[in-house]
Amino acid sequence: MGTYYIPRNLKGETRIFYIFTVKSLISTVCGILFGLIFLLIFNIIGLKMVGIIITAVFALIGYGIGAFKIPTISGIQVTKKIGGEPLSEIIARWIKFKKNKKMYVYTKEEK
């Protein structure tokens, strides 16, 4: 008798809390840390509530970057190419593209 691979559904096993995956938790914490800078600045000015709101907004942005996947919408050309990919990977590729100063141009050769 041979051994056979039986696929398992691992969708819910990487969750830390109910809504956080590891990637979304890390990006949320990064957003909170970035927002804490503004919280300290607004706390010195005396606008602590504004700093808390800005920190919460950055935490939501961080969570969205870590958890959101681009949907595939057949009517929109861009989503056909990147549909199903996480937003964090798209942002990372965009940063790498902007960092690389070379420009590649495709020219169609006609015969």
PDB file of N, CA and C in Angstrom:
ATOM      1  N   MET A   1       0.840  -1.188   0.000  1.00  0.00           N
ATOM      2  CA  MET A   1       0.000   0.000   0.000  1.00  0.00           C
ATOM      3  C   MET A   1       0.881   1.247   0.000  1.00  0.00           C
ATOM      4  N   GLY A   2       0.480   2.186  -0.796  1.00  0.00           N
ATOM      5  CA  GLY A   2       1.217   3.431  -0.881  1.00  0.00           C
ATOM      6  C   GLY A   2       0.589   4.505   0.008  1.00  0.00           C
ATOM      7  N   THR A   3       1.328   5.572   0.196  1.00  0.00           N
ATOM      8  CA  THR A   3       0.799   6.713   0.947  1.00  0.00           C
ATOM      9  C   THR A   3       0.323   7.761  -0.041  1.00  0.00           C
ATOM     10  N   TYR A   4      -0.738   8.423   0.301  1.00  0.00           N
ATOM     11  CA  TYR A   4      -1.335   9.409  -0.569  1.00  0.00           C
ATOM     12  C   TYR A   4      -1.498  10.719   0.173  1.00  0.00           C
ATOM     13  N   TYR A   5      -1.310  11.813  -0.547  1.00  0.00           N
ATOM     14  CA  TYR A   5      -1.483  13.152   0.023  1.00  0.00           C
ATOM     15  C   TYR A   5      -2.967  13.500   0.024  1.00  0.00           C
ATOM     16  N   ILE A   6      -3.472  13.872   1.180  1.00  0.00           N
ATOM     17  CA  ILE A   6      -4.864  14.294   1.310  1.00  0.00           C
ATOM     18  C   ILE A   6      -4.846  15.798   1.591  1.00  0.00           C
ATOM     19  N   PRO A   7      -5.375  16.613   0.695  1.00  0.00           N
ATOM     20  CA  PRO A   7      -5.356  18.066   0.919  1.00  0.00           C
ATOM     21  C   PRO A   7      -6.271  18.457   2.078  1.00  0.00           C
ATOM     22  N   ARG A   8      -5.817  19.465   2.824  1.00  0.00           N
ATOM     23  CA  ARG A   8      -6.601  19.971   3.942  1.00  0.00           C
ATOM     24  C   ARG A   8      -6.935  21.435   3.703  1.00  0.00           C
ATOM     25  N   ASN A   9      -8.018  21.863   4.296  1.00  0.00           N
ATOM     26  CA  ASN A   9      -8.406  23.263   4.239  1.00  0.00           C
ATOM     27  C   ASN A   9      -7.722  23.980   5.397  1.00  0.00           C
ATOM     28  N   LEU A  10      -6.743  24.845   5.094  1.00  0.00           N
ATOM     29  CA  LEU A  10      -5.979  25.555   6.121  1.00  0.00           C
ATOM     30  C   LEU A  10      -6.434  26.998   6.273  1.00  0.00           C
ATOM     31  N   LYS A  11      -7.618  27.321   5.790  1.00  0.00           N
ATOM     32  CA  LYS A  11      -8.058  28.712   5.751  1.00  0.00           C
ATOM     33  C   LYS A  11      -8.119  29.346   7.138  1.00  0.00           C
ATOM     34  N   GLY A  12      -8.681  28.673   8.110  1.00  0.00           N
ATOM     35  CA  GLY A  12      -8.861  29.285   9.414  1.00  0.00           C
ATOM     36  C   GLY A  12      -7.753  29.008  10.405  1.00  0.00           C
ATOM     37  N   GLU A  13      -6.745  28.221  10.039  1.00  0.00           N
ATOM     38  CA  GLU A  13      -5.721  27.832  11.000  1.00  0.00           C
ATOM     39  C   GLU A  13      -4.661  28.895  11.213  1.00  0.00           C
ATOM     40  N   THR A  14      -4.546  29.877  10.327  1.00  0.00           N
ATOM     41  CA  THR A  14      -3.532  30.909  10.499  1.00  0.00           C
ATOM     42  C   THR A  14      -4.094  32.151  11.177  1.00  0.00           C
ATOM     43  N   ARG A  15      -5.259  32.077  11.721  1.00  0.00           N
ATOM     44  CA  ARG A  15      -5.880  33.222  12.390  1.00  0.00           C
ATOM     45  C   ARG A  15      -5.411  33.302  13.833  1.00  0.00           C
ATOM     46  N   ILE A  16      -5.046  34.507  14.277  1.00  0.00           N
ATOM     47  CA  ILE A  16      -4.646  34.705  15.663  1.00  0.00           C
ATOM     48  C   ILE A  16      -5.888  35.033  16.487  1.00  0.00           C
ATOM     49  N   PHE A  17      -6.541  36.102  16.137  1.00  0.00           N
ATOM     50  CA  PHE A  17      -7.866  36.386  16.669  1.00  0.00           C
ATOM     51  C   PHE A  17      -8.842  36.017  15.574  1.00  0.00           C
ATOM     52  N   TYR A  18     -10.084  36.360  15.708  1.00  0.00           N
ATOM     53  CA  TYR A  18     -11.048  35.973  14.689  1.00  0.00           C
ATOM     54  C   TYR A  18     -10.817  36.708  13.373  1.00  0.00           C
ATOM     55  N   ILE A  19     -10.450  37.993  13.441  1.00  0.00           N
ATOM     56  CA  ILE A  19     -10.315  38.778  12.207  1.00  0.00           C
ATOM     57  C   ILE A  19      -8.876  38.952  11.759  1.00  0.00           C
ATOM     58  N   PHE A  20      -7.901  38.630  12.580  1.00  0.00           N
ATOM     59  CA  PHE A  20      -6.506  38.905  12.252  1.00  0.00           C
ATOM     60  C   PHE A  20      -5.774  37.665  11.767  1.00  0.00           C
ATOM     61  N   THR A  21      -5.182  37.766  10.585  1.00  0.00           N
ATOM     62  CA  THR A  21      -4.168  36.805  10.181  1.00  0.00           C
ATOM     63  C   THR A  21      -2.836  37.374  10.665  1.00  0.00           C
ATOM     64  N   VAL A  22      -1.772  36.631  10.498  1.00  0.00           N
ATOM     65  CA  VAL A  22      -0.473  37.109  10.967  1.00  0.00           C
ATOM     66  C   VAL A  22      -0.072  38.381  10.222  1.00  0.00           C
ATOM     67  N   LYS A  23      -0.267  38.382   8.896  1.00  0.00           N
ATOM     68  CA  LYS A  23       0.112  39.544   8.091  1.00  0.00           C
ATOM     69  C   LYS A  23      -0.725  40.770   8.440  1.00  0.00           C
ATOM     70  N   SER A  24      -2.031  40.590   8.613  1.00  0.00           N
ATOM     71  CA  SER A  24      -2.872  41.746   8.925  1.00  0.00           C
ATOM     72  C   SER A  24      -2.609  42.265  10.338  1.00  0.00           C
ATOM     73  N   LEU A  25      -2.246  41.381  11.273  1.00  0.00           N
ATOM     74  CA  LEU A  25      -1.915  41.835  12.619  1.00  0.00           C
ATOM     75  C   LEU A  25      -0.630  42.654  12.610  1.00  0.00           C
ATOM     76  N   ILE A  26       0.366  42.203  11.871  1.00  0.00           N
ATOM     77  CA  ILE A  26       1.629  42.937  11.799  1.00  0.00           C
ATOM     78  C   ILE A  26       1.430  44.296  11.129  1.00  0.00           C
ATOM     79  N   SER A  27       0.669  44.335  10.054  1.00  0.00           N
ATOM     80  CA  SER A  27       0.449  45.619   9.385  1.00  0.00           C
ATOM     81  C   SER A  27      -0.418  46.556  10.225  1.00  0.00           C
ATOM     82  N   THR A  28      -1.339  46.006  11.025  1.00  0.00           N
ATOM     83  CA  THR A  28      -2.137  46.840  11.925  1.00  0.00           C
ATOM     84  C   THR A  28      -1.261  47.444  13.008  1.00  0.00           C
ATOM     85  N   VAL A  29      -0.353  46.648  13.564  1.00  0.00           N
ATOM     86  CA  VAL A  29       0.564  47.158  14.593  1.00  0.00           C
ATOM     87  C   VAL A  29       1.483  48.228  14.003  1.00  0.00           C
ATOM     88  N   CYS A  30       1.947  48.029  12.780  1.00  0.00           N
ATOM     89  CA  CYS A  30       2.761  49.060  12.129  1.00  0.00           C
ATOM     90  C   CYS A  30       1.974  50.354  11.935  1.00  0.00           C
ATOM     91  N   GLY A  31       0.701  50.237  11.562  1.00  0.00           N
ATOM     92  CA  GLY A  31      -0.147  51.418  11.435  1.00  0.00           C
ATOM     93  C   GLY A  31      -0.359  52.120  12.764  1.00  0.00           C
ATOM     94  N   ILE A  32      -0.522  51.331  13.823  1.00  0.00           N
ATOM     95  CA  ILE A  32      -0.682  51.920  15.159  1.00  0.00           C
ATOM     96  C   ILE A  32       0.590  52.643  15.580  1.00  0.00           C
ATOM     97  N   LEU A  33       1.746  52.021  15.334  1.00  0.00           N
ATOM     98  CA  LEU A  33       3.015  52.664  15.704  1.00  0.00           C
ATOM     99  C   LEU A  33       3.224  53.969  14.930  1.00  0.00           C
ATOM    100  N   PHE A  34       2.843  53.976  13.656  1.00  0.00           N
ATOM    101  CA  PHE A  34       2.939  55.207  12.875  1.00  0.00           C
ATOM    102  C   PHE A  34       1.963  56.258  13.404  1.00  0.00           C
ATOM    103  N   GLY A  35       0.771  55.816  13.797  1.00  0.00           N
ATOM    104  CA  GLY A  35      -0.215  56.743  14.345  1.00  0.00           C
ATOM    105  C   GLY A  35       0.163  57.274  15.716  1.00  0.00           C
ATOM    106  N   LEU A  36       0.942  56.502  16.478  1.00  0.00           N
ATOM    107  CA  LEU A  36       1.370  56.972  17.805  1.00  0.00           C
ATOM    108  C   LEU A  36       2.270  58.192  17.719  1.00  0.00           C
ATOM    109  N   ILE A  37       2.978  58.329  16.621  1.00  0.00           N
ATOM    110  CA  ILE A  37       3.790  59.538  16.419  1.00  0.00           C
ATOM    111  C   ILE A  37       2.880  60.768  16.389  1.00  0.00           C
ATOM    112  N   PHE A  38       1.786  60.658  15.632  1.00  0.00           N
ATOM    113  CA  PHE A  38       0.833  61.775  15.579  1.00  0.00           C
ATOM    114  C   PHE A  38       0.115  61.965  16.910  1.00  0.00           C
ATOM    115  N   LEU A  39      -0.128  60.866  17.621  1.00  0.00           N
ATOM    116  CA  LEU A  39      -0.762  60.974  18.939  1.00  0.00           C
ATOM    117  C   LEU A  39       0.121  61.768  19.894  1.00  0.00           C
ATOM    118  N   LEU A  40       1.415  61.510  19.880  1.00  0.00           N
ATOM    119  CA  LEU A  40       2.329  62.262  20.742  1.00  0.00           C
ATOM    120  C   LEU A  40       2.378  63.737  20.358  1.00  0.00           C
ATOM    121  N   ILE A  41       2.390  64.007  19.067  1.00  0.00           N
ATOM    122  CA  ILE A  41       2.433  65.404  18.614  1.00  0.00           C
ATOM    123  C   ILE A  41       1.157  66.138  19.023  1.00  0.00           C
ATOM    124  N   PHE A  42       0.002  65.518  18.774  1.00  0.00           N
ATOM    125  CA  PHE A  42      -1.258  66.179  19.128  1.00  0.00           C
ATOM    126  C   PHE A  42      -1.485  66.210  20.638  1.00  0.00           C
ATOM    127  N   ASN A  43      -0.890  65.277  21.370  1.00  0.00           N
ATOM    128  CA  ASN A  43      -1.000  65.293  22.826  1.00  0.00           C
ATOM    129  C   ASN A  43      -0.224  66.480  23.398  1.00  0.00           C
ATOM    130  N   ILE A  44       0.910  66.809  22.793  1.00  0.00           N
ATOM    131  CA  ILE A  44       1.689  67.975  23.237  1.00  0.00           C
ATOM    132  C   ILE A  44       0.912  69.255  22.972  1.00  0.00           C
ATOM    133  N   ILE A  45       0.230  69.313  21.840  1.00  0.00           N
ATOM    134  CA  ILE A  45      -0.561  70.500  21.496  1.00  0.00           C
ATOM    135  C   ILE A  45      -1.782  70.617  22.397  1.00  0.00           C
ATOM    136  N   GLY A  46      -2.293  69.490  22.876  1.00  0.00           N
ATOM    137  CA  GLY A  46      -3.488  69.499  23.709  1.00  0.00           C
ATOM    138  C   GLY A  46      -4.712  68.945  23.005  1.00  0.00           C
ATOM    139  N   LEU A  47      -4.536  68.342  21.856  1.00  0.00           N
ATOM    140  CA  LEU A  47      -5.632  67.755  21.094  1.00  0.00           C
ATOM    141  C   LEU A  47      -5.510  66.231  21.105  1.00  0.00           C
ATOM    142  N   LYS A  48      -5.670  65.656  22.291  1.00  0.00           N
ATOM    143  CA  LYS A  48      -5.461  64.216  22.439  1.00  0.00           C
ATOM    144  C   LYS A  48      -6.482  63.407  21.647  1.00  0.00           C
ATOM    145  N   MET A  49      -7.717  63.862  21.596  1.00  0.00           N
ATOM    146  CA  MET A  49      -8.763  63.112  20.887  1.00  0.00           C
ATOM    147  C   MET A  49      -8.482  63.044  19.389  1.00  0.00           C
ATOM    148  N   VAL A  50      -7.964  64.112  18.812  1.00  0.00           N
ATOM    149  CA  VAL A  50      -7.603  64.120  17.397  1.00  0.00           C
ATOM    150  C   VAL A  50      -6.486  63.114  17.140  1.00  0.00           C
ATOM    151  N   GLY A  51      -5.519  63.040  18.048  1.00  0.00           N
ATOM    152  CA  GLY A  51      -4.430  62.076  17.920  1.00  0.00           C
ATOM    153  C   GLY A  51      -4.919  60.640  18.006  1.00  0.00           C
ATOM    154  N   ILE A  52      -5.902  60.373  18.861  1.00  0.00           N
ATOM    155  CA  ILE A  52      -6.468  59.032  18.977  1.00  0.00           C
ATOM    156  C   ILE A  52      -7.212  58.657  17.701  1.00  0.00           C
ATOM    157  N   ILE A  53      -7.950  59.604  17.144  1.00  0.00           N
ATOM    158  CA  ILE A  53      -8.685  59.336  15.905  1.00  0.00           C
ATOM    159  C   ILE A  53      -7.712  59.064  14.755  1.00  0.00           C
ATOM    160  N   ILE A  54      -6.649  59.842  14.657  1.00  0.00           N
ATOM    161  CA  ILE A  54      -5.657  59.633  13.600  1.00  0.00           C
ATOM    162  C   ILE A  54      -4.960  58.284  13.776  1.00  0.00           C
ATOM    163  N   THR A  55      -4.669  57.903  15.016  1.00  0.00           N
ATOM    164  CA  THR A  55      -4.062  56.593  15.278  1.00  0.00           C
ATOM    165  C   THR A  55      -5.000  55.469  14.854  1.00  0.00           C
ATOM    166  N   ALA A  56      -6.287  55.603  15.128  1.00  0.00           N
ATOM    167  CA  ALA A  56      -7.264  54.587  14.720  1.00  0.00           C
ATOM    168  C   ALA A  56      -7.376  54.512  13.198  1.00  0.00           C
ATOM    169  N   VAL A  57      -7.305  55.654  12.527  1.00  0.00           N
ATOM    170  CA  VAL A  57      -7.365  55.666  11.057  1.00  0.00           C
ATOM    171  C   VAL A  57      -6.151  54.943  10.478  1.00  0.00           C
ATOM    172  N   PHE A  58      -4.950  55.212  11.020  1.00  0.00           N
ATOM    173  CA  PHE A  58      -3.756  54.525  10.537  1.00  0.00           C
ATOM    174  C   PHE A  58      -3.812  53.033  10.839  1.00  0.00           C
ATOM    175  N   ALA A  59      -4.410  52.644  11.959  1.00  0.00           N
ATOM    176  CA  ALA A  59      -4.572  51.223  12.271  1.00  0.00           C
ATOM    177  C   ALA A  59      -5.507  50.560  11.262  1.00  0.00           C
ATOM    178  N   LEU A  60      -6.597  51.238  10.883  1.00  0.00           N
ATOM    179  CA  LEU A  60      -7.501  50.690   9.866  1.00  0.00           C
ATOM    180  C   LEU A  60      -6.839  50.595   8.500  1.00  0.00           C
ATOM    181  N   ILE A  61      -6.036  51.581   8.160  1.00  0.00           N
ATOM    182  CA  ILE A  61      -5.307  51.532   6.893  1.00  0.00           C
ATOM    183  C   ILE A  61      -4.319  50.366   6.904  1.00  0.00           C
ATOM    184  N   GLY A  62      -3.619  50.178   8.011  1.00  0.00           N
ATOM    185  CA  GLY A  62      -2.690  49.054   8.125  1.00  0.00           C
ATOM    186  C   GLY A  62      -3.396  47.717   8.036  1.00  0.00           C
ATOM    187  N   TYR A  63      -4.550  47.615   8.686  1.00  0.00           N
ATOM    188  CA  TYR A  63      -5.320  46.375   8.599  1.00  0.00           C
ATOM    189  C   TYR A  63      -5.792  46.128   7.163  1.00  0.00           C
ATOM    190  N   GLY A  64      -6.235  47.172   6.494  1.00  0.00           N
ATOM    191  CA  GLY A  64      -6.691  47.030   5.115  1.00  0.00           C
ATOM    192  C   GLY A  64      -5.579  46.590   4.182  1.00  0.00           C
ATOM    193  N   ILE A  65      -4.380  47.119   4.385  1.00  0.00           N
ATOM    194  CA  ILE A  65      -3.248  46.721   3.547  1.00  0.00           C
ATOM    195  C   ILE A  65      -2.897  45.259   3.788  1.00  0.00           C
ATOM    196  N   GLY A  66      -2.971  44.810   5.033  1.00  0.00           N
ATOM    197  CA  GLY A  66      -2.601  43.435   5.342  1.00  0.00           C
ATOM    198  C   GLY A  66      -3.659  42.405   5.007  1.00  0.00           C
ATOM    199  N   ALA A  67      -4.932  42.787   5.009  1.00  0.00           N
ATOM    200  CA  ALA A  67      -6.001  41.802   4.880  1.00  0.00           C
ATOM    201  C   ALA A  67      -6.744  41.855   3.549  1.00  0.00           C
ATOM    202  N   PHE A  68      -6.730  42.973   2.854  1.00  0.00           N
ATOM    203  CA  PHE A  68      -7.566  43.148   1.678  1.00  0.00           C
ATOM    204  C   PHE A  68      -6.929  42.517   0.450  1.00  0.00           C
ATOM    205  N   LYS A  69      -7.724  41.787  -0.308  1.00  0.00           N
ATOM    206  CA  LYS A  69      -7.295  41.244  -1.600  1.00  0.00           C
ATOM    207  C   LYS A  69      -8.107  41.934  -2.692  1.00  0.00           C
ATOM    208  N   ILE A  70      -7.450  42.209  -3.786  1.00  0.00           N
ATOM    209  CA  ILE A  70      -8.097  42.877  -4.911  1.00  0.00           C
ATOM    210  C   ILE A  70      -9.074  41.903  -5.575  1.00  0.00           C
ATOM    211  N   PRO A  71     -10.339  42.290  -5.715  1.00  0.00           N
ATOM    212  CA  PRO A  71     -11.289  41.380  -6.369  1.00  0.00           C
ATOM    213  C   PRO A  71     -11.113  41.385  -7.886  1.00  0.00           C
ATOM    214  N   THR A  72     -11.503  40.299  -8.506  1.00  0.00           N
ATOM    215  CA  THR A  72     -11.465  40.208  -9.956  1.00  0.00           C
ATOM    216  C   THR A  72     -12.814  40.656 -10.505  1.00  0.00           C
ATOM    217  N   ILE A  73     -12.817  41.785 -11.187  1.00  0.00           N
ATOM    218  CA  ILE A  73     -14.033  42.324 -11.789  1.00  0.00           C
ATOM    219  C   ILE A  73     -13.822  42.295 -13.302  1.00  0.00           C
ATOM    220  N   SER A  74     -14.667  41.558 -13.994  1.00  0.00           N
ATOM    221  CA  SER A  74     -14.451  41.358 -15.427  1.00  0.00           C
ATOM    222  C   SER A  74     -14.602  42.636 -16.241  1.00  0.00           C
ATOM    223  N   GLY A  75     -15.343  43.606 -15.755  1.00  0.00           N
ATOM    224  CA  GLY A  75     -15.552  44.843 -16.504  1.00  0.00           C
ATOM    225  C   GLY A  75     -14.397  45.819 -16.412  1.00  0.00           C
ATOM    226  N   ILE A  76     -13.503  45.638 -15.453  1.00  0.00           N
ATOM    227  CA  ILE A  76     -12.379  46.553 -15.264  1.00  0.00           C
ATOM    228  C   ILE A  76     -11.100  45.829 -15.671  1.00  0.00           C
ATOM    229  N   GLN A  77     -10.364  46.402 -16.608  1.00  0.00           N
ATOM    230  CA  GLN A  77      -9.191  45.749 -17.185  1.00  0.00           C
ATOM    231  C   GLN A  77      -8.097  45.503 -16.150  1.00  0.00           C
ATOM    232  N   VAL A  78      -7.864  46.452 -15.234  1.00  0.00           N
ATOM    233  CA  VAL A  78      -6.777  46.326 -14.267  1.00  0.00           C
ATOM    234  C   VAL A  78      -7.019  45.148 -13.321  1.00  0.00           C
ATOM    235  N   THR A  79      -8.243  44.946 -12.890  1.00  0.00           N
ATOM    236  CA  THR A  79      -8.518  43.875 -11.934  1.00  0.00           C
ATOM    237  C   THR A  79      -8.441  42.492 -12.572  1.00  0.00           C
ATOM    238  N   LYS A  80      -8.506  42.427 -13.896  1.00  0.00           N
ATOM    239  CA  LYS A  80      -8.310  41.141 -14.554  1.00  0.00           C
ATOM    240  C   LYS A  80      -6.873  40.668 -14.392  1.00  0.00           C
ATOM    241  N   LYS A  81      -5.942  41.612 -14.335  1.00  0.00           N
ATOM    242  CA  LYS A  81      -4.523  41.269 -14.236  1.00  0.00           C
ATOM    243  C   LYS A  81      -4.084  41.008 -12.797  1.00  0.00           C
ATOM    244  N   ILE A  82      -4.638  41.740 -11.838  1.00  0.00           N
ATOM    245  CA  ILE A  82      -4.170  41.620 -10.458  1.00  0.00           C
ATOM    246  C   ILE A  82      -5.234  41.069  -9.521  1.00  0.00           C
ATOM    247  N   GLY A  83      -6.314  40.568 -10.035  1.00  0.00           N
ATOM    248  CA  GLY A  83      -7.396  40.063  -9.203  1.00  0.00           C
ATOM    249  C   GLY A  83      -6.967  38.884  -8.351  1.00  0.00           C
ATOM    250  N   GLY A  84      -7.324  38.914  -7.072  1.00  0.00           N
ATOM    251  CA  GLY A  84      -7.008  37.846  -6.145  1.00  0.00           C
ATOM    252  C   GLY A  84      -5.688  38.016  -5.415  1.00  0.00           C
ATOM    253  N   GLU A  85      -4.920  39.022  -5.756  1.00  0.00           N
ATOM    254  CA  GLU A  85      -3.637  39.240  -5.096  1.00  0.00           C
ATOM    255  C   GLU A  85      -3.816  40.169  -3.901  1.00  0.00           C
ATOM    256  N   PRO A  86      -3.058  39.935  -2.824  1.00  0.00           N
ATOM    257  CA  PRO A  86      -3.149  40.832  -1.659  1.00  0.00           C
ATOM    258  C   PRO A  86      -2.628  42.228  -1.986  1.00  0.00           C
ATOM    259  N   LEU A  87      -3.229  43.212  -1.346  1.00  0.00           N
ATOM    260  CA  LEU A  87      -2.845  44.609  -1.563  1.00  0.00           C
ATOM    261  C   LEU A  87      -1.408  44.861  -1.131  1.00  0.00           C
ATOM    262  N   SER A  88      -0.945  44.165  -0.095  1.00  0.00           N
ATOM    263  CA  SER A  88       0.424  44.361   0.384  1.00  0.00           C
ATOM    264  C   SER A  88       1.447  43.949  -0.665  1.00  0.00           C
ATOM    265  N   GLU A  89       1.181  42.881  -1.408  1.00  0.00           N
ATOM    266  CA  GLU A  89       2.114  42.449  -2.446  1.00  0.00           C
ATOM    267  C   GLU A  89       2.126  43.432  -3.625  1.00  0.00           C
ATOM    268  N   ILE A  90       0.980  43.994  -3.944  1.00  0.00           N
ATOM    269  CA  ILE A  90       0.904  44.978  -5.024  1.00  0.00           C
ATOM    270  C   ILE A  90       1.681  46.239  -4.649  1.00  0.00           C
ATOM    271  N   ILE A  91       1.552  46.681  -3.411  1.00  0.00           N
ATOM    272  CA  ILE A  91       2.296  47.854  -2.943  1.00  0.00           C
ATOM    273  C   ILE A  91       3.794  47.567  -2.934  1.00  0.00           C
ATOM    274  N   ALA A  92       4.189  46.366  -2.517  1.00  0.00           N
ATOM    275  CA  ALA A  92       5.610  46.010  -2.499  1.00  0.00           C
ATOM    276  C   ALA A  92       6.189  45.993  -3.913  1.00  0.00           C
ATOM    277  N   ARG A  93       5.444  45.465  -4.888  1.00  0.00           N
ATOM    278  CA  ARG A  93       5.916  45.474  -6.273  1.00  0.00           C
ATOM    279  C   ARG A  93       6.008  46.888  -6.824  1.00  0.00           C
ATOM    280  N   TRP A  94       5.057  47.756  -6.443  1.00  0.00           N
ATOM    281  CA  TRP A  94       5.083  49.142  -6.911  1.00  0.00           C
ATOM    282  C   TRP A  94       6.306  49.868  -6.354  1.00  0.00           C
ATOM    283  N   ILE A  95       6.634  49.615  -5.080  1.00  0.00           N
ATOM    284  CA  ILE A  95       7.818  50.244  -4.475  1.00  0.00           C
ATOM    285  C   ILE A  95       9.087  49.758  -5.163  1.00  0.00           C
ATOM    286  N   LYS A  96       9.166  48.457  -5.454  1.00  0.00           N
ATOM    287  CA  LYS A  96      10.329  47.927  -6.163  1.00  0.00           C
ATOM    288  C   LYS A  96      10.435  48.528  -7.566  1.00  0.00           C
ATOM    289  N   PHE A  97       9.304  48.710  -8.229  1.00  0.00           N
ATOM    290  CA  PHE A  97       9.299  49.300  -9.564  1.00  0.00           C
ATOM    291  C   PHE A  97       9.776  50.744  -9.514  1.00  0.00           C
ATOM    292  N   LYS A  98       9.314  51.509  -8.531  1.00  0.00           N
ATOM    293  CA  LYS A  98       9.722  52.908  -8.419  1.00  0.00           C
ATOM    294  C   LYS A  98      11.182  53.034  -8.003  1.00  0.00           C
ATOM    295  N   LYS A  99      11.665  52.062  -7.224  1.00  0.00           N
ATOM    296  CA  LYS A  99      13.055  52.092  -6.789  1.00  0.00           C
ATOM    297  C   LYS A  99      14.005  51.806  -7.946  1.00  0.00           C
ATOM    298  N   ASN A 100      13.592  50.943  -8.863  1.00  0.00           N
ATOM    299  CA  ASN A 100      14.386  50.621 -10.035  1.00  0.00           C
ATOM    300  C   ASN A 100      14.200  51.749 -11.046  1.00  0.00           C
ATOM    301  N   LYS A 101      15.233  52.500 -11.307  1.00  0.00           N
ATOM    302  CA  LYS A 101      15.124  53.681 -12.168  1.00  0.00           C
ATOM    303  C   LYS A 101      15.134  53.344 -13.653  1.00  0.00           C
ATOM    304  N   LYS A 102      15.318  52.079 -14.002  1.00  0.00           N
ATOM    305  CA  LYS A 102      15.363  51.701 -15.403  1.00  0.00           C
ATOM    306  C   LYS A 102      13.955  51.664 -15.976  1.00  0.00           C
ATOM    307  N   MET A 103      13.844  52.004 -17.221  1.00  0.00           N
ATOM    308  CA  MET A 103      12.559  51.970 -17.892  1.00  0.00           C
ATOM    309  C   MET A 103      12.658  50.996 -19.056  1.00  0.00           C
ATOM    310  N   TYR A 104      11.782  50.014 -19.061  1.00  0.00           N
ATOM    311  CA  TYR A 104      11.770  49.034 -20.132  1.00  0.00           C
ATOM    312  C   TYR A 104      10.583  49.330 -21.033  1.00  0.00           C
ATOM    313  N   VAL A 105      10.844  49.399 -22.332  1.00  0.00           N
ATOM    314  CA  VAL A 105       9.801  49.703 -23.295  1.00  0.00           C
ATOM    315  C   VAL A 105       9.704  48.541 -24.270  1.00  0.00           C
ATOM    316  N   TYR A 106       8.503  48.064 -24.476  1.00  0.00           N
ATOM    317  CA  TYR A 106       8.264  46.980 -25.408  1.00  0.00           C
ATOM    318  C   TYR A 106       7.875  47.576 -26.743  1.00  0.00           C
ATOM    319  N   THR A 107       8.623  47.237 -27.764  1.00  0.00           N
ATOM    320  CA  THR A 107       8.276  47.675 -29.107  1.00  0.00           C
ATOM    321  C   THR A 107       7.956  46.456 -29.936  1.00  0.00           C
ATOM    322  N   LYS A 108       6.855  46.516 -30.593  1.00  0.00           N
ATOM    323  CA  LYS A 108       6.414  45.396 -31.414  1.00  0.00           C
ATOM    324  C   LYS A 108       7.145  45.439 -32.743  1.00  0.00           C
ATOM    325  N   GLU A 109       7.821  44.343 -33.049  1.00  0.00           N
ATOM    326  CA  GLU A 109       8.535  44.278 -34.307  1.00  0.00           C
ATOM    327  C   GLU A 109       7.602  43.818 -35.402  1.00  0.00           C
ATOM    328  N   GLU A 110       7.578  44.556 -36.479  1.00  0.00           N
ATOM    329  CA  GLU A 110       6.737  44.185 -37.609  1.00  0.00           C
ATOM    330  C   GLU A 110       7.594  43.577 -38.687  1.00  0.00           C
ATOM    331  N   LYS A 111       7.059  42.554 -39.343  1.00  0.00           N
ATOM    332  CA  LYS A 111       7.824  41.855 -40.377  1.00  0.00           C
ATOM    333  C   LYS A 111       7.300  42.194 -41.743  1.00  0.00           C
TER     334      LYS A 111
END
